[in-house]
Protein backbone atom coordinates (compact mmCIF):
# COMPACT_ATOMS: atom_id res chain seq x y z
CA UNK A 1 86.15 120.80 130.36
CA UNK A 2 85.05 124.27 129.58
CA UNK A 3 82.65 124.76 132.48
CA UNK A 4 85.02 123.06 134.95
CA UNK A 5 87.30 125.87 133.84
CA UNK A 6 84.58 128.36 134.47
CA UNK A 7 83.62 126.75 137.35
CA UNK A 8 87.05 127.29 138.45
CA UNK A 9 87.29 131.38 137.91
CA UNK A 10 83.70 132.08 140.02
CA UNK A 11 85.19 130.26 142.79
CA UNK A 12 88.87 131.74 142.31
CA UNK A 13 86.19 134.91 142.62
CA UNK A 14 84.05 134.06 144.41
CA UNK A 15 86.35 132.73 147.37
CA UNK A 16 84.71 129.92 147.30
CA UNK A 17 83.11 126.38 146.65
CA UNK A 18 80.55 127.39 143.76
CA UNK A 19 78.05 124.59 143.75
CA UNK A 20 75.92 125.21 141.61
CA UNK A 21 74.40 122.06 140.15
CA UNK A 22 72.44 121.76 143.41
CA UNK A 23 68.81 122.63 143.89
CA UNK A 24 67.71 123.85 146.20
CA UNK A 25 65.59 122.23 149.00
CA UNK A 26 62.13 122.67 148.03
CA UNK A 27 59.92 125.11 150.72
CA UNK A 28 57.18 122.44 152.81
CA UNK A 29 53.87 122.88 153.60
CA UNK A 30 51.94 121.43 156.57
CA UNK A 31 49.45 118.32 155.45
CA UNK A 32 46.81 119.06 158.33
CA UNK A 33 48.07 115.87 160.18
CA UNK A 34 51.52 117.13 162.92
CA UNK A 35 52.18 113.00 163.19
CA UNK A 36 52.86 112.94 158.48
CA UNK A 37 55.32 116.43 158.84
CA UNK A 38 56.75 115.41 161.66
CA UNK A 39 57.74 111.98 159.66
CA UNK A 40 57.96 113.98 156.01
CA UNK A 41 59.19 117.50 157.07
CA UNK A 42 54.99 118.44 155.44
CA UNK A 43 54.77 118.50 151.16
CA UNK A 44 57.14 119.54 148.89
CA UNK A 45 56.27 122.25 146.65
CA UNK A 46 57.39 122.53 142.97
CA UNK A 47 57.12 118.19 143.24
CA UNK A 48 54.85 115.69 143.36
CA UNK A 49 53.63 113.88 146.14
CA UNK A 50 51.83 110.54 145.48
CA UNK A 51 49.68 109.11 148.64
CA UNK A 52 48.33 105.35 147.96
CA UNK A 53 46.77 102.56 149.60
CA UNK A 54 43.67 100.29 149.63
CA UNK A 55 40.27 101.43 150.30
CA UNK A 56 39.21 101.78 153.43
CA UNK A 57 43.16 102.33 154.21
CA UNK A 58 43.19 106.43 154.73
CA UNK A 59 43.55 107.66 151.91
CA UNK A 60 41.09 110.16 151.03
CA UNK A 61 40.95 111.34 154.52
CA UNK A 62 44.39 112.14 154.50
CA UNK A 63 43.79 114.00 151.30
CA UNK A 64 40.73 116.03 152.63
CA UNK A 65 43.01 116.70 155.72
CA UNK A 66 45.15 118.26 152.92
CA UNK A 67 43.06 120.36 151.04
CA UNK A 68 41.66 121.88 153.87
CA UNK A 69 44.80 123.24 155.17
CA UNK A 70 45.78 124.34 152.05
CA UNK A 71 42.97 126.50 151.61
CA UNK A 72 42.65 127.33 155.26
CA UNK A 73 46.10 129.10 154.14
CA UNK A 74 43.79 130.75 151.85
CA UNK A 75 45.32 129.33 149.22
CA UNK A 76 43.43 128.64 145.65
CA UNK A 77 43.25 125.07 145.22
CA UNK A 78 42.05 122.45 142.42
CA UNK A 79 41.26 118.45 142.87
CA UNK A 80 41.15 116.51 139.97
CA UNK A 81 38.51 113.56 140.30
CA UNK A 82 39.24 111.05 137.90
CA UNK A 83 36.05 108.46 139.47
CA UNK A 84 33.37 110.98 140.38
CA UNK A 85 33.57 110.58 144.23
CA UNK A 86 34.55 114.17 146.18
CA UNK A 87 31.67 114.40 148.62
CA UNK A 88 31.59 118.02 148.61
CA UNK A 89 29.26 118.33 151.98
CA UNK A 90 31.87 115.80 154.26
CA UNK A 91 35.03 117.70 152.58
CA UNK A 92 33.13 121.07 153.85
CA UNK A 93 32.72 119.00 157.44
CA UNK A 94 35.97 118.72 157.91
CA UNK A 95 36.94 122.15 156.98
CA UNK A 96 37.73 122.70 153.67
CA UNK A 97 36.52 126.09 152.12
CA UNK A 98 35.23 124.87 148.67
CA UNK A 99 34.55 128.61 147.79
CA UNK A 100 38.82 128.64 147.20
CA UNK A 101 38.63 124.97 145.87
CA UNK A 102 38.19 124.17 141.49
CA UNK A 103 36.77 120.53 141.36
CA UNK A 104 37.58 119.29 138.31
CA UNK A 105 35.57 115.98 137.21
CA UNK A 106 37.37 113.95 135.03
CA UNK A 107 34.68 111.07 133.35
CA UNK A 108 36.64 108.25 135.08
CA UNK A 109 39.64 109.04 132.69
CA UNK A 110 42.98 109.12 134.43
CA UNK A 111 44.81 110.11 131.39
CA UNK A 112 42.06 113.25 130.75
CA UNK A 113 42.85 113.46 134.65
CA UNK A 114 46.15 114.09 134.00
CA UNK A 115 45.98 116.39 131.16
CA UNK A 116 43.61 118.44 133.12
CA UNK A 117 46.13 118.63 136.18
CA UNK A 118 48.88 119.44 133.59
CA UNK A 119 46.44 122.37 131.93
CA UNK A 120 45.87 124.07 135.69
CA UNK A 121 49.99 123.63 136.90
CA UNK A 122 50.60 125.37 133.47
CA UNK A 123 47.45 127.82 133.90
CA UNK A 124 49.32 128.92 137.42
CA UNK A 125 47.88 131.09 140.45
CA UNK A 126 46.58 127.31 142.58
CA UNK A 127 48.97 127.29 146.00
CA UNK A 128 48.10 122.94 145.36
CA UNK A 129 46.56 120.97 142.22
CA UNK A 130 45.29 117.61 143.41
CA UNK A 131 44.53 113.91 142.01
CA UNK A 132 42.32 111.43 142.79
CA UNK A 133 42.81 108.26 140.45
CA UNK A 134 40.68 106.41 142.79
CA UNK A 135 41.47 102.48 142.10
CA UNK A 136 43.16 103.01 138.36
CA UNK A 137 45.89 100.52 137.13
CA UNK A 138 50.02 102.12 137.08
CA UNK A 139 49.93 100.18 133.41
CA UNK A 140 47.15 102.89 132.62
CA UNK A 141 48.25 105.48 132.63
CA UNK A 142 51.80 106.10 130.53
CA UNK A 143 55.17 106.83 132.26
CA UNK A 144 56.16 109.95 129.78
CA UNK A 145 52.83 111.79 131.34
CA UNK A 146 54.18 111.42 134.71
CA UNK A 147 57.39 112.90 133.42
CA UNK A 148 55.41 115.74 131.62
CA UNK A 149 53.57 116.40 135.16
CA UNK A 150 57.08 116.38 137.23
CA UNK A 151 58.59 118.99 134.92
CA UNK A 152 55.33 120.68 134.98
CA UNK A 153 55.48 121.39 138.49
CA UNK A 154 59.23 122.35 138.92
CA UNK A 155 59.40 125.72 139.82
CA UNK A 156 55.90 126.65 140.89
CA UNK A 157 55.07 127.40 144.21
CA UNK A 158 51.95 124.59 143.41
CA UNK A 159 52.21 121.55 146.10
CA UNK A 160 50.97 118.48 143.83
CA UNK A 161 49.78 114.77 144.89
CA UNK A 162 48.28 111.61 143.29
CA UNK A 163 45.90 109.49 145.19
CA UNK A 164 45.78 106.40 143.93
CA UNK A 165 45.39 102.60 144.93
CA UNK A 166 48.83 102.14 143.48
CA UNK A 167 51.73 103.95 143.51
CA UNK A 168 51.73 104.75 140.07
CA UNK A 169 54.25 108.42 139.09
CA UNK A 170 56.68 105.51 141.24
CA UNK A 171 60.19 107.86 140.08
CA UNK A 172 58.78 110.57 139.70
CA UNK A 173 57.31 111.52 143.00
CA UNK A 174 59.57 113.45 145.91
CA UNK A 175 56.85 111.89 148.35
CA UNK A 176 55.87 108.83 148.52
CA UNK A 177 52.93 108.10 151.47
CA UNK A 178 51.54 104.63 151.92
CA UNK A 179 48.18 104.32 153.45
CA UNK A 180 47.50 101.16 155.48
CA UNK A 181 44.52 100.02 157.70
CA UNK A 182 45.94 98.57 161.32
CA UNK A 183 42.47 98.55 163.43
CA UNK A 184 38.69 98.38 163.29
CA UNK A 185 36.95 99.14 166.16
CA UNK A 186 33.39 97.50 166.45
CA UNK A 187 30.50 98.34 169.08
CA UNK A 188 27.38 96.85 170.64
CA UNK A 189 25.60 93.65 169.27
CA UNK A 190 24.76 94.70 165.86
CA UNK A 191 28.49 95.07 164.86
CA UNK A 192 28.13 98.41 164.31
CA UNK A 193 31.29 100.41 163.08
CA UNK A 194 32.69 102.66 165.80
CA UNK A 195 35.91 103.33 164.32
CA UNK A 196 39.24 102.97 161.75
CA UNK A 197 42.44 103.16 162.87
CA UNK A 198 45.41 103.70 160.22
CA UNK A 199 48.92 104.12 159.69
CA UNK A 200 50.54 106.01 156.77
CA UNK A 201 53.92 105.15 155.96
CA UNK A 202 56.65 107.76 154.10
CA UNK A 203 58.26 104.69 151.59
CA UNK A 204 61.10 107.66 150.78
CA UNK A 205 62.24 107.68 154.23
CA UNK A 206 61.13 104.05 155.60
CA UNK A 207 59.69 106.23 158.38
CA UNK A 208 56.10 105.83 159.47
CA UNK A 209 53.71 107.55 161.74
CA UNK A 210 51.83 105.93 164.29
CA UNK A 211 48.83 106.38 164.26
CA UNK A 212 48.12 109.02 162.11
CA UNK A 213 44.65 109.48 162.69
CA UNK A 214 41.74 107.43 163.49
CA UNK A 215 38.78 108.08 161.05
CA UNK A 216 35.28 107.42 163.23
CA UNK A 217 32.03 106.35 162.02
CA UNK A 218 29.37 108.88 162.55
């Protein structure tokens, strides 16, 4: 009751409606893939973005593109690697500036990876903190850990990204991107892999990017 009266007094002084409970829309940054940005508006700062999909669905390629775009903006980024799967050589070839990337290896422990990400966010100074949780099952990570991460990144300029096989964060994520493999192209009698075409869909907006990118075999 007292808050309602106080709100009315402010509105009478300011001469208009006062919406003091709404949070301003977060700043969004490019992912490095124009189709993803067109469908989602970009990755929100101060929020958790979750990327999930099975093996060979393009989730790692999307993560590398995001890191390349962020380090290309001269931002310092951190990657918490729970599966020891990051390949610096291929990442550098894809445009990631390794001198602006802190690589944290979490020894195959998803909870340790989340705690490391929490410490990095609280320490500040990172434009992006990404976690590659590999094939971690949702039940292995407590919901409390996700709520803690969501609260930690709020009101910061950091883009928080989590990559896994399945959706883990659920409602704690502000943006969810589901990766799926669409088509595989083979060539020659020996059936050599030529390309993999994948699709990314924003599950919050039910809007797909079609197709997002093609990963070509070398």
